[in-house]
Amino acid sequence: MAKETLGNVNDDGTGAEHTGRYSTERVALRAYELFLARGGSDGQDFDDWLAAERELASGPSQSEPAK
């Protein structure tokens, strides 16, 4: 049986996966920003990822310019 995923591969040729309205690359970048903001301490990568997804799912923040 094939593994079912929530994301879709972008059809613009980049191969970037999308989770809803945002790419996994964008989630990874935001999770890394959260990691750095915490001082780079280990062990909270999953929490950073989930927080990044929540932020992106709620829409653009005031510090993030609209595209």
PDB file of N, CA and C in Angstrom:
ATOM      1  N   MET A   1       0.845  -1.175   0.000  1.00  0.00           N
ATOM      2  CA  MET A   1       0.000   0.000   0.000  1.00  0.00           C
ATOM      3  C   MET A   1       0.893   1.242   0.000  1.00  0.00           C
ATOM      4  N   ALA A   2       0.575   2.218  -0.802  1.00  0.00           N
ATOM      5  CA  ALA A   2       1.374   3.433  -0.914  1.00  0.00           C
ATOM      6  C   ALA A   2       1.172   4.322   0.306  1.00  0.00           C
ATOM      7  N   LYS A   3       2.237   5.014   0.670  1.00  0.00           N
ATOM      8  CA  LYS A   3       2.163   5.942   1.797  1.00  0.00           C
ATOM      9  C   LYS A   3       1.415   7.200   1.367  1.00  0.00           C
ATOM     10  N   GLU A   4       0.455   7.601   2.166  1.00  0.00           N
ATOM     11  CA  GLU A   4      -0.337   8.792   1.858  1.00  0.00           C
ATOM     12  C   GLU A   4       0.311  10.005   2.512  1.00  0.00           C
ATOM     13  N   THR A   5       0.423  11.100   1.766  1.00  0.00           N
ATOM     14  CA  THR A   5       1.002  12.314   2.315  1.00  0.00           C
ATOM     15  C   THR A   5      -0.004  13.448   2.234  1.00  0.00           C
ATOM     16  N   LEU A   6       0.197  14.444   3.099  1.00  0.00           N
ATOM     17  CA  LEU A   6      -0.676  15.609   3.093  1.00  0.00           C
ATOM     18  C   LEU A   6      -0.218  16.649   2.089  1.00  0.00           C
ATOM     19  N   GLY A   7       1.082  16.706   1.840  1.00  0.00           N
ATOM     20  CA  GLY A   7       1.616  17.719   0.934  1.00  0.00           C
ATOM     21  C   GLY A   7       1.529  17.289  -0.516  1.00  0.00           C
ATOM     22  N   ASN A   8       1.666  18.245  -1.409  1.00  0.00           N
ATOM     23  CA  ASN A   8       1.665  17.982  -2.840  1.00  0.00           C
ATOM     24  C   ASN A   8       2.960  18.497  -3.430  1.00  0.00           C
ATOM     25  N   VAL A   9       3.426  17.835  -4.480  1.00  0.00           N
ATOM     26  CA  VAL A   9       4.616  18.322  -5.163  1.00  0.00           C
ATOM     27  C   VAL A   9       4.203  19.478  -6.053  1.00  0.00           C
ATOM     28  N   ASN A  10       4.948  20.543  -5.970  1.00  0.00           N
ATOM     29  CA  ASN A  10       4.672  21.740  -6.752  1.00  0.00           C
ATOM     30  C   ASN A  10       4.823  21.431  -8.230  1.00  0.00           C
ATOM     31  N   ASP A  11       3.935  21.951  -9.060  1.00  0.00           N
ATOM     32  CA  ASP A  11       4.021  21.683 -10.491  1.00  0.00           C
ATOM     33  C   ASP A  11       4.792  22.759 -11.247  1.00  0.00           C
ATOM     34  N   ASP A  12       5.539  23.609 -10.532  1.00  0.00           N
ATOM     35  CA  ASP A  12       6.320  24.641 -11.209  1.00  0.00           C
ATOM     36  C   ASP A  12       7.728  24.158 -11.570  1.00  0.00           C
ATOM     37  N   GLY A  13       7.994  22.873 -11.345  1.00  0.00           N
ATOM     38  CA  GLY A  13       9.274  22.314 -11.723  1.00  0.00           C
ATOM     39  C   GLY A  13      10.314  22.353 -10.619  1.00  0.00           C
ATOM     40  N   THR A  14      10.012  22.982  -9.475  1.00  0.00           N
ATOM     41  CA  THR A  14      10.992  23.059  -8.401  1.00  0.00           C
ATOM     42  C   THR A  14      11.032  21.792  -7.578  1.00  0.00           C
ATOM     43  N   GLY A  15       9.942  21.027  -7.591  1.00  0.00           N
ATOM     44  CA  GLY A  15       9.887  19.817  -6.790  1.00  0.00           C
ATOM     45  C   GLY A  15       9.622  20.086  -5.323  1.00  0.00           C
ATOM     46  N   ALA A  16       9.399  21.339  -4.943  1.00  0.00           N
ATOM     47  CA  ALA A  16       9.138  21.675  -3.551  1.00  0.00           C
ATOM     48  C   ALA A  16       7.769  21.150  -3.147  1.00  0.00           C
ATOM     49  N   GLU A  17       7.710  20.547  -1.983  1.00  0.00           N
ATOM     50  CA  GLU A  17       6.434  20.058  -1.488  1.00  0.00           C
ATOM     51  C   GLU A  17       5.698  21.195  -0.811  1.00  0.00           C
ATOM     52  N   HIS A  18       4.389  21.168  -0.904  1.00  0.00           N
ATOM     53  CA  HIS A  18       3.560  22.191  -0.281  1.00  0.00           C
ATOM     54  C   HIS A  18       2.655  21.550   0.747  1.00  0.00           C
ATOM     55  N   THR A  19       2.534  22.201   1.871  1.00  0.00           N
ATOM     56  CA  THR A  19       1.635  21.772   2.928  1.00  0.00           C
ATOM     57  C   THR A  19       0.611  22.876   3.075  1.00  0.00           C
ATOM     58  N   GLY A  20      -0.522  22.721   2.434  1.00  0.00           N
ATOM     59  CA  GLY A  20      -1.503  23.791   2.461  1.00  0.00           C
ATOM     60  C   GLY A  20      -1.032  24.935   1.581  1.00  0.00           C
ATOM     61  N   ARG A  21      -0.857  26.112   2.165  1.00  0.00           N
ATOM     62  CA  ARG A  21      -0.478  27.303   1.410  1.00  0.00           C
ATOM     63  C   ARG A  21       1.019  27.574   1.430  1.00  0.00           C
ATOM     64  N   TYR A  22       1.802  26.782   2.130  1.00  0.00           N
ATOM     65  CA  TYR A  22       3.220  27.081   2.296  1.00  0.00           C
ATOM     66  C   TYR A  22       4.065  25.841   2.010  1.00  0.00           C
ATOM     67  N   SER A  23       5.284  26.064   1.578  1.00  0.00           N
ATOM     68  CA  SER A  23       6.166  24.953   1.222  1.00  0.00           C
ATOM     69  C   SER A  23       6.882  24.423   2.466  1.00  0.00           C
ATOM     70  N   THR A  24       7.339  23.184   2.362  1.00  0.00           N
ATOM     71  CA  THR A  24       8.116  22.620   3.457  1.00  0.00           C
ATOM     72  C   THR A  24       9.420  23.380   3.639  1.00  0.00           C
ATOM     73  N   GLU A  25       9.931  23.965   2.558  1.00  0.00           N
ATOM     74  CA  GLU A  25      11.140  24.795   2.675  1.00  0.00           C
ATOM     75  C   GLU A  25      10.880  26.009   3.549  1.00  0.00           C
ATOM     76  N   ARG A  26       9.707  26.610   3.407  1.00  0.00           N
ATOM     77  CA  ARG A  26       9.348  27.786   4.217  1.00  0.00           C
ATOM     78  C   ARG A  26       9.175  27.389   5.681  1.00  0.00           C
ATOM     79  N   VAL A  27       8.569  26.223   5.924  1.00  0.00           N
ATOM     80  CA  VAL A  27       8.418  25.741   7.299  1.00  0.00           C
ATOM     81  C   VAL A  27       9.796  25.509   7.905  1.00  0.00           C
ATOM     82  N   ALA A  28      10.693  24.879   7.139  1.00  0.00           N
ATOM     83  CA  ALA A  28      12.039  24.599   7.629  1.00  0.00           C
ATOM     84  C   ALA A  28      12.780  25.889   7.955  1.00  0.00           C
ATOM     85  N   LEU A  29      12.650  26.891   7.100  1.00  0.00           N
ATOM     86  CA  LEU A  29      13.318  28.173   7.347  1.00  0.00           C
ATOM     87  C   LEU A  29      12.786  28.821   8.619  1.00  0.00           C
ATOM     88  N   ARG A  30      11.465  28.830   8.791  1.00  0.00           N
ATOM     89  CA  ARG A  30      10.880  29.441   9.983  1.00  0.00           C
ATOM     90  C   ARG A  30      11.251  28.656  11.237  1.00  0.00           C
ATOM     91  N   ALA A  31      11.273  27.328  11.143  1.00  0.00           N
ATOM     92  CA  ALA A  31      11.682  26.499  12.285  1.00  0.00           C
ATOM     93  C   ALA A  31      13.133  26.805  12.660  1.00  0.00           C
ATOM     94  N   TYR A  32      13.973  27.014  11.671  1.00  0.00           N
ATOM     95  CA  TYR A  32      15.377  27.359  11.935  1.00  0.00           C
ATOM     96  C   TYR A  32      15.471  28.733  12.598  1.00  0.00           C
ATOM     97  N   GLU A  33      14.658  29.678  12.152  1.00  0.00           N
ATOM     98  CA  GLU A  33      14.637  31.006  12.786  1.00  0.00           C
ATOM     99  C   GLU A  33      14.227  30.893  14.258  1.00  0.00           C
ATOM    100  N   LEU A  34      13.245  30.038  14.533  1.00  0.00           N
ATOM    101  CA  LEU A  34      12.826  29.830  15.922  1.00  0.00           C
ATOM    102  C   LEU A  34      13.939  29.186  16.745  1.00  0.00           C
ATOM    103  N   PHE A  35      14.636  28.229  16.143  1.00  0.00           N
ATOM    104  CA  PHE A  35      15.784  27.578  16.776  1.00  0.00           C
ATOM    105  C   PHE A  35      16.847  28.613  17.151  1.00  0.00           C
ATOM    106  N   LEU A  36      17.166  29.490  16.230  1.00  0.00           N
ATOM    107  CA  LEU A  36      18.162  30.529  16.501  1.00  0.00           C
ATOM    108  C   LEU A  36      17.676  31.501  17.575  1.00  0.00           C
ATOM    109  N   ALA A  37      16.388  31.841  17.536  1.00  0.00           N
ATOM    110  CA  ALA A  37      15.826  32.770  18.520  1.00  0.00           C
ATOM    111  C   ALA A  37      15.886  32.181  19.932  1.00  0.00           C
ATOM    112  N   ARG A  38      15.863  30.857  20.049  1.00  0.00           N
ATOM    113  CA  ARG A  38      15.973  30.186  21.343  1.00  0.00           C
ATOM    114  C   ARG A  38      17.423  30.043  21.775  1.00  0.00           C
ATOM    115  N   GLY A  39      18.344  30.509  20.979  1.00  0.00           N
ATOM    116  CA  GLY A  39      19.751  30.391  21.324  1.00  0.00           C
ATOM    117  C   GLY A  39      20.409  29.141  20.778  1.00  0.00           C
ATOM    118  N   GLY A  40      19.725  28.427  19.904  1.00  0.00           N
ATOM    119  CA  GLY A  40      20.319  27.266  19.256  1.00  0.00           C
ATOM    120  C   GLY A  40      20.428  26.037  20.127  1.00  0.00           C
ATOM    121  N   SER A  41      19.611  25.952  21.183  1.00  0.00           N
ATOM    122  CA  SER A  41      19.680  24.770  22.047  1.00  0.00           C
ATOM    123  C   SER A  41      19.027  23.572  21.374  1.00  0.00           C
ATOM    124  N   ASP A  42      19.619  22.407  21.572  1.00  0.00           N
ATOM    125  CA  ASP A  42      19.153  21.165  20.950  1.00  0.00           C
ATOM    126  C   ASP A  42      17.913  20.612  21.636  1.00  0.00           C
ATOM    127  N   GLY A  43      17.234  19.704  20.932  1.00  0.00           N
ATOM    128  CA  GLY A  43      16.173  18.921  21.528  1.00  0.00           C
ATOM    129  C   GLY A  43      14.765  19.441  21.355  1.00  0.00           C
ATOM    130  N   GLN A  44      14.577  20.535  20.626  1.00  0.00           N
ATOM    131  CA  GLN A  44      13.234  21.073  20.441  1.00  0.00           C
ATOM    132  C   GLN A  44      12.895  21.253  18.968  1.00  0.00           C
ATOM    133  N   ASP A  45      13.534  20.476  18.113  1.00  0.00           N
ATOM    134  CA  ASP A  45      13.318  20.621  16.680  1.00  0.00           C
ATOM    135  C   ASP A  45      11.877  20.345  16.272  1.00  0.00           C
ATOM    136  N   PHE A  46      11.261  19.334  16.866  1.00  0.00           N
ATOM    137  CA  PHE A  46       9.877  19.015  16.522  1.00  0.00           C
ATOM    138  C   PHE A  46       8.945  20.142  16.967  1.00  0.00           C
ATOM    139  N   ASP A  47       9.185  20.675  18.155  1.00  0.00           N
ATOM    140  CA  ASP A  47       8.381  21.800  18.648  1.00  0.00           C
ATOM    141  C   ASP A  47       8.543  23.021  17.752  1.00  0.00           C
ATOM    142  N   ASP A  48       9.773  23.277  17.307  1.00  0.00           N
ATOM    143  CA  ASP A  48      10.020  24.404  16.401  1.00  0.00           C
ATOM    144  C   ASP A  48       9.270  24.205  15.090  1.00  0.00           C
ATOM    145  N   TRP A  49       9.280  22.976  14.571  1.00  0.00           N
ATOM    146  CA  TRP A  49       8.604  22.679  13.304  1.00  0.00           C
ATOM    147  C   TRP A  49       7.096  22.913  13.444  1.00  0.00           C
ATOM    148  N   LEU A  50       6.510  22.391  14.528  1.00  0.00           N
ATOM    149  CA  LEU A  50       5.077  22.565  14.728  1.00  0.00           C
ATOM    150  C   LEU A  50       4.707  24.032  14.920  1.00  0.00           C
ATOM    151  N   ALA A  51       5.530  24.771  15.648  1.00  0.00           N
ATOM    152  CA  ALA A  51       5.276  26.196  15.848  1.00  0.00           C
ATOM    153  C   ALA A  51       5.355  26.943  14.519  1.00  0.00           C
ATOM    154  N   ALA A  52       6.314  26.578  13.684  1.00  0.00           N
ATOM    155  CA  ALA A  52       6.448  27.209  12.370  1.00  0.00           C
ATOM    156  C   ALA A  52       5.227  26.917  11.511  1.00  0.00           C
ATOM    157  N   GLU A  53       4.751  25.677  11.523  1.00  0.00           N
ATOM    158  CA  GLU A  53       3.546  25.342  10.764  1.00  0.00           C
ATOM    159  C   GLU A  53       2.339  26.133  11.257  1.00  0.00           C
ATOM    160  N   ARG A  54       2.194  26.241  12.584  1.00  0.00           N
ATOM    161  CA  ARG A  54       1.068  27.006  13.135  1.00  0.00           C
ATOM    162  C   ARG A  54       1.129  28.464  12.705  1.00  0.00           C
ATOM    163  N   GLU A  55       2.326  29.068  12.782  1.00  0.00           N
ATOM    164  CA  GLU A  55       2.485  30.466  12.382  1.00  0.00           C
ATOM    165  C   GLU A  55       2.130  30.671  10.911  1.00  0.00           C
ATOM    166  N   LEU A  56       2.624  29.789  10.063  1.00  0.00           N
ATOM    167  CA  LEU A  56       2.379  29.926   8.632  1.00  0.00           C
ATOM    168  C   LEU A  56       0.924  29.652   8.284  1.00  0.00           C
ATOM    169  N   ALA A  57       0.301  28.724   8.988  1.00  0.00           N
ATOM    170  CA  ALA A  57      -1.099  28.402   8.724  1.00  0.00           C
ATOM    171  C   ALA A  57      -2.024  29.543   9.131  1.00  0.00           C
ATOM    172  N   SER A  58      -1.592  30.331  10.120  1.00  0.00           N
ATOM    173  CA  SER A  58      -2.436  31.432  10.593  1.00  0.00           C
ATOM    174  C   SER A  58      -2.336  32.656   9.694  1.00  0.00           C
ATOM    175  N   GLY A  59      -1.470  32.605   8.691  1.00  0.00           N
ATOM    176  CA  GLY A  59      -1.340  33.713   7.754  1.00  0.00           C
ATOM    177  C   GLY A  59      -0.061  34.480   7.983  1.00  0.00           C
ATOM    178  N   PRO A  60       0.195  35.457   7.105  1.00  0.00           N
ATOM    179  CA  PRO A  60       1.438  36.224   7.220  1.00  0.00           C
ATOM    180  C   PRO A  60       1.451  37.062   8.496  1.00  0.00           C
ATOM    181  N   SER A  61       2.604  37.064   9.146  1.00  0.00           N
ATOM    182  CA  SER A  61       2.760  37.884  10.341  1.00  0.00           C
ATOM    183  C   SER A  61       3.014  39.319   9.928  1.00  0.00           C
ATOM    184  N   GLN A  62       2.951  40.224  10.875  1.00  0.00           N
ATOM    185  CA  GLN A  62       3.176  41.630  10.563  1.00  0.00           C
ATOM    186  C   GLN A  62       4.614  41.888  10.163  1.00  0.00           C
ATOM    187  N   SER A  63       5.555  41.032  10.618  1.00  0.00           N
ATOM    188  CA  SER A  63       6.950  41.208  10.244  1.00  0.00           C
ATOM    189  C   SER A  63       7.282  40.564   8.909  1.00  0.00           C
ATOM    190  N   GLU A  64       6.373  39.771   8.381  1.00  0.00           N
ATOM    191  CA  GLU A  64       6.594  39.076   7.111  1.00  0.00           C
ATOM    192  C   GLU A  64       5.821  39.794   6.014  1.00  0.00           C
ATOM    193  N   PRO A  65       6.522  40.289   4.993  1.00  0.00           N
ATOM    194  CA  PRO A  65       5.824  40.982   3.912  1.00  0.00           C
ATOM    195  C   PRO A  65       4.934  40.047   3.108  1.00  0.00           C
ATOM    196  N   ALA A  66       3.805  40.536   2.693  1.00  0.00           N
ATOM    197  CA  ALA A  66       2.901  39.752   1.851  1.00  0.00           C
ATOM    198  C   ALA A  66       3.480  39.615   0.456  1.00  0.00           C
ATOM    199  N   LYS A  67       3.259  38.446  -0.166  1.00  0.00           N
ATOM    200  CA  LYS A  67       3.793  38.219  -1.517  1.00  0.00           C
ATOM    201  C   LYS A  67       2.717  38.332  -2.535  1.00  0.00           C
TER     202      LYS A  67
END
